[in-house]
Amino acid sequence: MPDDHHVLEFKKAYSTANSILVSSRIIDTFPFAPRKLISEKTDIKCRSYKKAVEYGLDITAFGSESAIIIVFHSKAIIFYDETKPRTHARYSLLHEFGHDQLNHDFTDKRPEAYRKYEIEANFFAAQLLMPEQILRELQRRGVTITNGFLHQRFGVSYEAANKRLDTLARNQAEWHSRSEREYDDLILLKYAAFIDSIKPKHSYYDFDYEDEMQNRRNSWY
């Protein structure tokens, strides 16, 4: 069974990311453009570290070599290091977006709060970039999910891919609560074309799978 502390940290991040995966018009395949998603969902601006220097900001004071979300002239801005590989920048942008969407309070300076926020933001970004429901469905169809596969098909770094594989190995789908599973069918339906482009369904009708999905739907009521 998963660690209870981690379950509590993952639950909100997982549900929030699932809601965005279903509602976003920007995300219709993978990989997608994080900056467009952030613009779709918020008024947050995304600017490079180079632009921060032009604004007169000291980027060495940011405390991050990847990205940071700050309030500048009453506006929330995510500054990111544009010199990093594209895969790194995409993940970093969504990590900072996660802090906003999960309402993290950085006035709380406790180390345990910071650790919790970082875990949640990482899980949020990973779920948006590599949705668990899609990966489980591909596995069910016989696709072997490797770090190379995630790098190629979802546009993530090998480091992010390795962490995702580790998380999936430690957290089984059946451990999710009913509320966490409520988006599963919607996500699989919305991204069916993407899934089929990798591994089309077999021509025969999958009775076992349909029974499983119907049981899930019945459990929602």
C-alpha atoms as a PDB file:
ATOM      1  CA  MET A   1       0.000   0.000   0.000  1.00  0.00           C
ATOM      2  CA  PRO A   2       1.186   3.573  -0.637  1.00  0.00           C
ATOM      3  CA  ASP A   3       2.393   5.790   2.178  1.00  0.00           C
ATOM      4  CA  ASP A   4      -0.612   7.687   3.636  1.00  0.00           C
ATOM      5  CA  HIS A   5       1.336  10.952   3.748  1.00  0.00           C
ATOM      6  CA  HIS A   6       2.108  10.719   0.032  1.00  0.00           C
ATOM      7  CA  VAL A   7      -1.508   9.854  -0.780  1.00  0.00           C
ATOM      8  CA  LEU A   8      -2.648  13.058   0.903  1.00  0.00           C
ATOM      9  CA  GLU A   9      -0.054  15.073  -1.025  1.00  0.00           C
ATOM     10  CA  PHE A  10      -0.898  13.502  -4.371  1.00  0.00           C
ATOM     11  CA  LYS A  11      -4.697  13.593  -4.142  1.00  0.00           C
ATOM     12  CA  LYS A  12      -5.293  17.311  -4.721  1.00  0.00           C
ATOM     13  CA  ALA A  13      -2.568  17.570  -7.361  1.00  0.00           C
ATOM     14  CA  TYR A  14      -3.958  14.535  -9.190  1.00  0.00           C
ATOM     15  CA  SER A  15      -7.569  15.742  -9.183  1.00  0.00           C
ATOM     16  CA  THR A  16      -6.647  19.298 -10.195  1.00  0.00           C
ATOM     17  CA  ALA A  17      -4.514  18.097 -13.096  1.00  0.00           C
ATOM     18  CA  ASN A  18      -7.269  15.718 -14.214  1.00  0.00           C
ATOM     19  CA  SER A  19      -9.780  18.568 -14.281  1.00  0.00           C
ATOM     20  CA  ILE A  20      -7.460  20.612 -16.482  1.00  0.00           C
ATOM     21  CA  LEU A  21      -6.802  17.668 -18.814  1.00  0.00           C
ATOM     22  CA  VAL A  22     -10.541  17.355 -19.402  1.00  0.00           C
ATOM     23  CA  SER A  23     -11.442  21.045 -19.639  1.00  0.00           C
ATOM     24  CA  SER A  24      -8.506  22.502 -21.558  1.00  0.00           C
ATOM     25  CA  ARG A  25      -8.916  23.307 -25.230  1.00  0.00           C
ATOM     26  CA  ILE A  26      -5.160  23.750 -25.544  1.00  0.00           C
ATOM     27  CA  ILE A  27      -4.350  20.173 -24.588  1.00  0.00           C
ATOM     28  CA  ASP A  28      -5.634  17.899 -27.339  1.00  0.00           C
ATOM     29  CA  THR A  29      -2.536  15.776 -27.853  1.00  0.00           C
ATOM     30  CA  PHE A  30       0.941  15.272 -26.403  1.00  0.00           C
ATOM     31  CA  PRO A  31       3.280  16.999 -26.094  1.00  0.00           C
ATOM     32  CA  PHE A  32       1.469  20.337 -25.761  1.00  0.00           C
ATOM     33  CA  ALA A  33       2.601  23.926 -25.163  1.00  0.00           C
ATOM     34  CA  PRO A  34       2.675  24.757 -21.423  1.00  0.00           C
ATOM     35  CA  ARG A  35       2.779  28.518 -21.985  1.00  0.00           C
ATOM     36  CA  LYS A  36      -0.440  28.358 -24.004  1.00  0.00           C
ATOM     37  CA  LEU A  37      -2.093  26.281 -21.286  1.00  0.00           C
ATOM     38  CA  ILE A  38      -1.064  28.722 -18.565  1.00  0.00           C
ATOM     39  CA  SER A  39      -2.399  31.602 -20.650  1.00  0.00           C
ATOM     40  CA  GLU A  40      -5.659  29.716 -21.204  1.00  0.00           C
ATOM     41  CA  LYS A  41      -6.253  29.058 -17.512  1.00  0.00           C
ATOM     42  CA  THR A  42      -4.793  32.124 -15.794  1.00  0.00           C
ATOM     43  CA  ASP A  43      -3.558  35.693 -16.199  1.00  0.00           C
ATOM     44  CA  ILE A  44      -0.035  34.577 -15.331  1.00  0.00           C
ATOM     45  CA  LYS A  45       2.631  35.751 -17.768  1.00  0.00           C
ATOM     46  CA  CYS A  46       5.613  33.590 -18.676  1.00  0.00           C
ATOM     47  CA  ARG A  47       8.889  35.385 -19.224  1.00  0.00           C
ATOM     48  CA  SER A  48      12.469  34.234 -19.673  1.00  0.00           C
ATOM     49  CA  TYR A  49      15.299  34.903 -17.248  1.00  0.00           C
ATOM     50  CA  LYS A  50      16.754  37.096 -19.984  1.00  0.00           C
ATOM     51  CA  LYS A  51      13.621  39.214 -19.848  1.00  0.00           C
ATOM     52  CA  ALA A  52      13.892  39.351 -16.052  1.00  0.00           C
ATOM     53  CA  VAL A  53      17.351  40.887 -16.409  1.00  0.00           C
ATOM     54  CA  GLU A  54      15.882  43.462 -18.813  1.00  0.00           C
ATOM     55  CA  TYR A  55      13.305  44.271 -16.133  1.00  0.00           C
ATOM     56  CA  GLY A  56      16.189  44.965 -13.766  1.00  0.00           C
ATOM     57  CA  LEU A  57      15.666  41.878 -11.614  1.00  0.00           C
ATOM     58  CA  ASP A  58      18.544  39.982 -10.020  1.00  0.00           C
ATOM     59  CA  ILE A  59      18.009  36.420 -11.230  1.00  0.00           C
ATOM     60  CA  THR A  60      20.646  35.133  -8.821  1.00  0.00           C
ATOM     61  CA  ALA A  61      18.223  36.055  -6.025  1.00  0.00           C
ATOM     62  CA  PHE A  62      15.502  33.823  -7.483  1.00  0.00           C
ATOM     63  CA  GLY A  63      16.913  30.784  -5.733  1.00  0.00           C
ATOM     64  CA  SER A  64      16.101  28.567  -8.714  1.00  0.00           C
ATOM     65  CA  GLU A  65      18.096  27.593 -11.774  1.00  0.00           C
ATOM     66  CA  SER A  66      14.949  26.488 -13.603  1.00  0.00           C
ATOM     67  CA  ALA A  67      11.878  28.649 -12.952  1.00  0.00           C
ATOM     68  CA  ILE A  68      10.079  30.640 -10.277  1.00  0.00           C
ATOM     69  CA  ILE A  69       6.676  32.256  -9.899  1.00  0.00           C
ATOM     70  CA  ILE A  70       6.672  35.736  -8.343  1.00  0.00           C
ATOM     71  CA  VAL A  71       4.439  38.788  -8.106  1.00  0.00           C
ATOM     72  CA  PHE A  72       5.967  41.686 -10.017  1.00  0.00           C
ATOM     73  CA  HIS A  73       4.170  45.016 -10.264  1.00  0.00           C
ATOM     74  CA  SER A  74       0.985  43.357  -8.908  1.00  0.00           C
ATOM     75  CA  LYS A  75       1.079  40.683 -11.613  1.00  0.00           C
ATOM     76  CA  ALA A  76       1.997  37.021 -11.279  1.00  0.00           C
ATOM     77  CA  ILE A  77       4.860  36.059 -13.569  1.00  0.00           C
ATOM     78  CA  ILE A  78       6.632  32.768 -14.093  1.00  0.00           C
ATOM     79  CA  PHE A  79      10.247  33.433 -14.979  1.00  0.00           C
ATOM     80  CA  TYR A  80      12.086  30.473 -16.495  1.00  0.00           C
ATOM     81  CA  ASP A  81      15.577  29.712 -17.744  1.00  0.00           C
ATOM     82  CA  GLU A  82      15.278  29.703 -21.519  1.00  0.00           C
ATOM     83  CA  THR A  83      18.776  28.263 -21.893  1.00  0.00           C
ATOM     84  CA  LYS A  84      17.691  24.916 -20.441  1.00  0.00           C
ATOM     85  CA  PRO A  85      16.609  22.102 -22.791  1.00  0.00           C
ATOM     86  CA  ARG A  86      13.033  22.477 -23.992  1.00  0.00           C
ATOM     87  CA  THR A  87      11.908  19.397 -22.087  1.00  0.00           C
ATOM     88  CA  HIS A  88      13.303  20.865 -18.876  1.00  0.00           C
ATOM     89  CA  ALA A  89      11.657  24.258 -19.445  1.00  0.00           C
ATOM     90  CA  ARG A  90       8.266  22.703 -20.164  1.00  0.00           C
ATOM     91  CA  TYR A  91       8.312  20.745 -16.921  1.00  0.00           C
ATOM     92  CA  SER A  92       9.542  23.735 -14.922  1.00  0.00           C
ATOM     93  CA  LEU A  93       6.767  25.971 -16.259  1.00  0.00           C
ATOM     94  CA  LEU A  94       4.090  23.444 -15.292  1.00  0.00           C
ATOM     95  CA  HIS A  95       5.689  22.916 -11.892  1.00  0.00           C
ATOM     96  CA  GLU A  96       5.341  26.641 -11.142  1.00  0.00           C
ATOM     97  CA  PHE A  97       1.840  26.643 -12.636  1.00  0.00           C
ATOM     98  CA  GLY A  98       1.069  23.876 -10.163  1.00  0.00           C
ATOM     99  CA  HIS A  99       2.023  26.075  -7.226  1.00  0.00           C
ATOM    100  CA  ASP A 100      -0.591  28.574  -8.413  1.00  0.00           C
ATOM    101  CA  GLN A 101      -3.329  26.041  -9.141  1.00  0.00           C
ATOM    102  CA  LEU A 102      -2.830  24.277  -5.806  1.00  0.00           C
ATOM    103  CA  ASN A 103      -2.913  27.572  -3.868  1.00  0.00           C
ATOM    104  CA  HIS A 104       0.437  27.065  -2.204  1.00  0.00           C
ATOM    105  CA  ASP A 105       1.173  29.612   0.498  1.00  0.00           C
ATOM    106  CA  PHE A 106       4.852  30.482   0.419  1.00  0.00           C
ATOM    107  CA  THR A 107       4.537  32.701   3.448  1.00  0.00           C
ATOM    108  CA  ASP A 108       4.672  29.383   5.292  1.00  0.00           C
ATOM    109  CA  LYS A 109       8.417  28.974   5.772  1.00  0.00           C
ATOM    110  CA  ARG A 110       8.321  25.590   7.485  1.00  0.00           C
ATOM    111  CA  PRO A 111      10.588  23.029   5.755  1.00  0.00           C
ATOM    112  CA  GLU A 112       7.798  20.443   5.809  1.00  0.00           C
ATOM    113  CA  ALA A 113       5.466  22.871   4.014  1.00  0.00           C
ATOM    114  CA  TYR A 114       8.070  23.557   1.319  1.00  0.00           C
ATOM    115  CA  ARG A 115       8.651  19.829   0.846  1.00  0.00           C
ATOM    116  CA  LYS A 116       4.913  19.176   0.567  1.00  0.00           C
ATOM    117  CA  TYR A 117       4.475  21.960  -1.995  1.00  0.00           C
ATOM    118  CA  GLU A 118       7.347  20.679  -4.113  1.00  0.00           C
ATOM    119  CA  ILE A 119       6.006  17.117  -4.134  1.00  0.00           C
ATOM    120  CA  GLU A 120       2.523  18.309  -5.072  1.00  0.00           C
ATOM    121  CA  ALA A 121       3.780  20.611  -7.843  1.00  0.00           C
ATOM    122  CA  ASN A 122       5.981  17.861  -9.278  1.00  0.00           C
ATOM    123  CA  PHE A 123       3.114  15.387  -9.290  1.00  0.00           C
ATOM    124  CA  PHE A 124       0.778  17.974 -10.852  1.00  0.00           C
ATOM    125  CA  ALA A 125       3.238  18.659 -13.673  1.00  0.00           C
ATOM    126  CA  ALA A 126       3.866  14.962 -14.269  1.00  0.00           C
ATOM    127  CA  GLN A 127       0.154  14.166 -14.468  1.00  0.00           C
ATOM    128  CA  LEU A 128      -0.404  16.932 -17.033  1.00  0.00           C
ATOM    129  CA  LEU A 129       2.577  15.947 -19.153  1.00  0.00           C
ATOM    130  CA  MET A 130       2.166  12.149 -18.846  1.00  0.00           C
ATOM    131  CA  PRO A 131      -1.404  11.357 -17.714  1.00  0.00           C
ATOM    132  CA  GLU A 132      -1.597   8.175 -15.686  1.00  0.00           C
ATOM    133  CA  GLN A 133      -4.874   7.113 -17.299  1.00  0.00           C
ATOM    134  CA  ILE A 134      -3.306   7.213 -20.764  1.00  0.00           C
ATOM    135  CA  LEU A 135      -0.209   5.326 -19.670  1.00  0.00           C
ATOM    136  CA  ARG A 136      -2.287   2.626 -17.943  1.00  0.00           C
ATOM    137  CA  GLU A 137      -4.448   2.248 -21.053  1.00  0.00           C
ATOM    138  CA  LEU A 138      -1.379   1.916 -23.265  1.00  0.00           C
ATOM    139  CA  GLN A 139       0.012  -0.715 -20.902  1.00  0.00           C
ATOM    140  CA  ARG A 140      -3.291  -2.565 -21.092  1.00  0.00           C
ATOM    141  CA  ARG A 141      -2.942  -2.587 -24.873  1.00  0.00           C
ATOM    142  CA  GLY A 142       0.496  -4.132 -24.599  1.00  0.00           C
ATOM    143  CA  VAL A 143       2.739  -1.074 -24.868  1.00  0.00           C
ATOM    144  CA  THR A 144       5.908  -1.196 -22.783  1.00  0.00           C
ATOM    145  CA  ILE A 145       6.302   2.145 -21.029  1.00  0.00           C
ATOM    146  CA  THR A 146       9.994   3.045 -20.802  1.00  0.00           C
ATOM    147  CA  ASN A 147      11.817   6.303 -20.185  1.00  0.00           C
ATOM    148  CA  GLY A 148      12.708   6.413 -23.878  1.00  0.00           C
ATOM    149  CA  PHE A 149       9.057   5.966 -24.830  1.00  0.00           C
ATOM    150  CA  LEU A 150       7.966   8.808 -22.523  1.00  0.00           C
ATOM    151  CA  HIS A 151      10.746  11.048 -23.828  1.00  0.00           C
ATOM    152  CA  GLN A 152       9.787  10.446 -27.444  1.00  0.00           C
ATOM    153  CA  ARG A 153       5.983  10.404 -27.222  1.00  0.00           C
ATOM    154  CA  PHE A 154       5.337  12.920 -24.446  1.00  0.00           C
ATOM    155  CA  GLY A 155       8.274  15.290 -24.895  1.00  0.00           C
ATOM    156  CA  VAL A 156       9.698  15.010 -21.384  1.00  0.00           C
ATOM    157  CA  SER A 157      13.265  14.707 -20.134  1.00  0.00           C
ATOM    158  CA  TYR A 158      14.701  11.324 -19.235  1.00  0.00           C
ATOM    159  CA  GLU A 159      14.899  12.475 -15.618  1.00  0.00           C
ATOM    160  CA  ALA A 160      11.175  13.341 -15.550  1.00  0.00           C
ATOM    161  CA  ALA A 161      10.383  10.068 -17.316  1.00  0.00           C
ATOM    162  CA  ASN A 162      12.315   8.043 -14.743  1.00  0.00           C
ATOM    163  CA  LYS A 163      10.526   9.763 -11.859  1.00  0.00           C
ATOM    164  CA  ARG A 164       7.177   9.120 -13.526  1.00  0.00           C
ATOM    165  CA  LEU A 165       7.934   5.434 -13.943  1.00  0.00           C
ATOM    166  CA  ASP A 166       8.909   5.233 -10.283  1.00  0.00           C
ATOM    167  CA  THR A 167       5.653   6.919  -9.197  1.00  0.00           C
ATOM    168  CA  LEU A 168       3.518   4.648 -11.376  1.00  0.00           C
ATOM    169  CA  ALA A 169       5.252   1.595  -9.965  1.00  0.00           C
ATOM    170  CA  ARG A 170       4.513   2.697  -6.398  1.00  0.00           C
ATOM    171  CA  ASN A 171       0.915   3.841  -6.938  1.00  0.00           C
ATOM    172  CA  GLN A 172      -1.591   1.399  -8.407  1.00  0.00           C
ATOM    173  CA  ALA A 173      -4.749   2.634 -10.141  1.00  0.00           C
ATOM    174  CA  GLU A 174      -7.017   0.660  -7.837  1.00  0.00           C
ATOM    175  CA  TRP A 175      -5.737   2.674  -4.877  1.00  0.00           C
ATOM    176  CA  HIS A 176      -7.384   5.828  -6.217  1.00  0.00           C
ATOM    177  CA  SER A 177     -10.587   6.955  -4.543  1.00  0.00           C
ATOM    178  CA  ARG A 178     -13.902   7.186  -6.351  1.00  0.00           C
ATOM    179  CA  SER A 179     -13.553  10.963  -6.678  1.00  0.00           C
ATOM    180  CA  GLU A 180     -10.061  10.576  -8.122  1.00  0.00           C
ATOM    181  CA  ARG A 181     -11.316   8.081 -10.729  1.00  0.00           C
ATOM    182  CA  GLU A 182     -14.246  10.190 -11.888  1.00  0.00           C
ATOM    183  CA  TYR A 183     -12.246  11.700 -14.771  1.00  0.00           C
ATOM    184  CA  ASP A 184     -10.783   8.429 -16.052  1.00  0.00           C
ATOM    185  CA  ASP A 185     -13.345   7.727 -18.768  1.00  0.00           C
ATOM    186  CA  LEU A 186     -13.445  11.369 -19.849  1.00  0.00           C
ATOM    187  CA  ILE A 187      -9.673  11.519 -20.252  1.00  0.00           C
ATOM    188  CA  LEU A 188      -9.532   8.262 -22.199  1.00  0.00           C
ATOM    189  CA  LEU A 189     -12.348   9.452 -24.448  1.00  0.00           C
ATOM    190  CA  LYS A 190     -10.854  12.901 -25.081  1.00  0.00           C
ATOM    191  CA  TYR A 191      -7.412  11.534 -25.955  1.00  0.00           C
ATOM    192  CA  ALA A 192      -8.592   8.405 -27.770  1.00  0.00           C
ATOM    193  CA  ALA A 193      -7.070   9.543 -31.064  1.00  0.00           C
ATOM    194  CA  PHE A 194      -3.677  10.060 -29.432  1.00  0.00           C
ATOM    195  CA  ILE A 195      -3.833   6.667 -27.740  1.00  0.00           C
ATOM    196  CA  ASP A 196      -4.931   4.958 -30.965  1.00  0.00           C
ATOM    197  CA  SER A 197      -2.076   6.637 -32.863  1.00  0.00           C
ATOM    198  CA  ILE A 198       0.325   4.712 -30.637  1.00  0.00           C
ATOM    199  CA  LYS A 199      -1.543   1.436 -30.244  1.00  0.00           C
ATOM    200  CA  PRO A 200      -4.993   0.972 -31.831  1.00  0.00           C
ATOM    201  CA  LYS A 201      -7.520  -1.162 -30.014  1.00  0.00           C
ATOM    202  CA  HIS A 202      -7.774  -4.764 -31.102  1.00  0.00           C
ATOM    203  CA  SER A 203     -10.529  -5.444 -33.606  1.00  0.00           C
ATOM    204  CA  TYR A 204     -12.316  -7.751 -31.177  1.00  0.00           C
ATOM    205  CA  TYR A 205     -14.552  -6.424 -28.428  1.00  0.00           C
ATOM    206  CA  ASP A 206     -12.845  -6.336 -25.047  1.00  0.00           C
ATOM    207  CA  PHE A 207     -15.567  -7.648 -22.723  1.00  0.00           C
ATOM    208  CA  ASP A 208     -13.343  -7.725 -19.650  1.00  0.00           C
ATOM    209  CA  TYR A 209     -12.365  -4.093 -20.100  1.00  0.00           C
ATOM    210  CA  GLU A 210     -15.959  -2.992 -20.693  1.00  0.00           C
ATOM    211  CA  ASP A 211     -17.078  -4.835 -17.559  1.00  0.00           C
ATOM    212  CA  GLU A 212     -14.345  -3.096 -15.585  1.00  0.00           C
ATOM    213  CA  MET A 213     -15.329   0.353 -16.882  1.00  0.00           C
ATOM    214  CA  GLN A 214     -19.026  -0.280 -16.271  1.00  0.00           C
ATOM    215  CA  ASN A 215     -18.284  -1.325 -12.700  1.00  0.00           C
ATOM    216  CA  ARG A 216     -16.387   1.925 -12.231  1.00  0.00           C
ATOM    217  CA  ARG A 217     -19.281   3.949 -13.621  1.00  0.00           C
ATOM    218  CA  ASN A 218     -21.744   2.108 -11.400  1.00  0.00           C
ATOM    219  CA  SER A 219     -19.607   2.877  -8.340  1.00  0.00           C
ATOM    220  CA  TRP A 220     -19.999   6.611  -8.932  1.00  0.00           C
ATOM    221  CA  TYR A 221     -23.686   6.537  -7.983  1.00  0.00           C
END
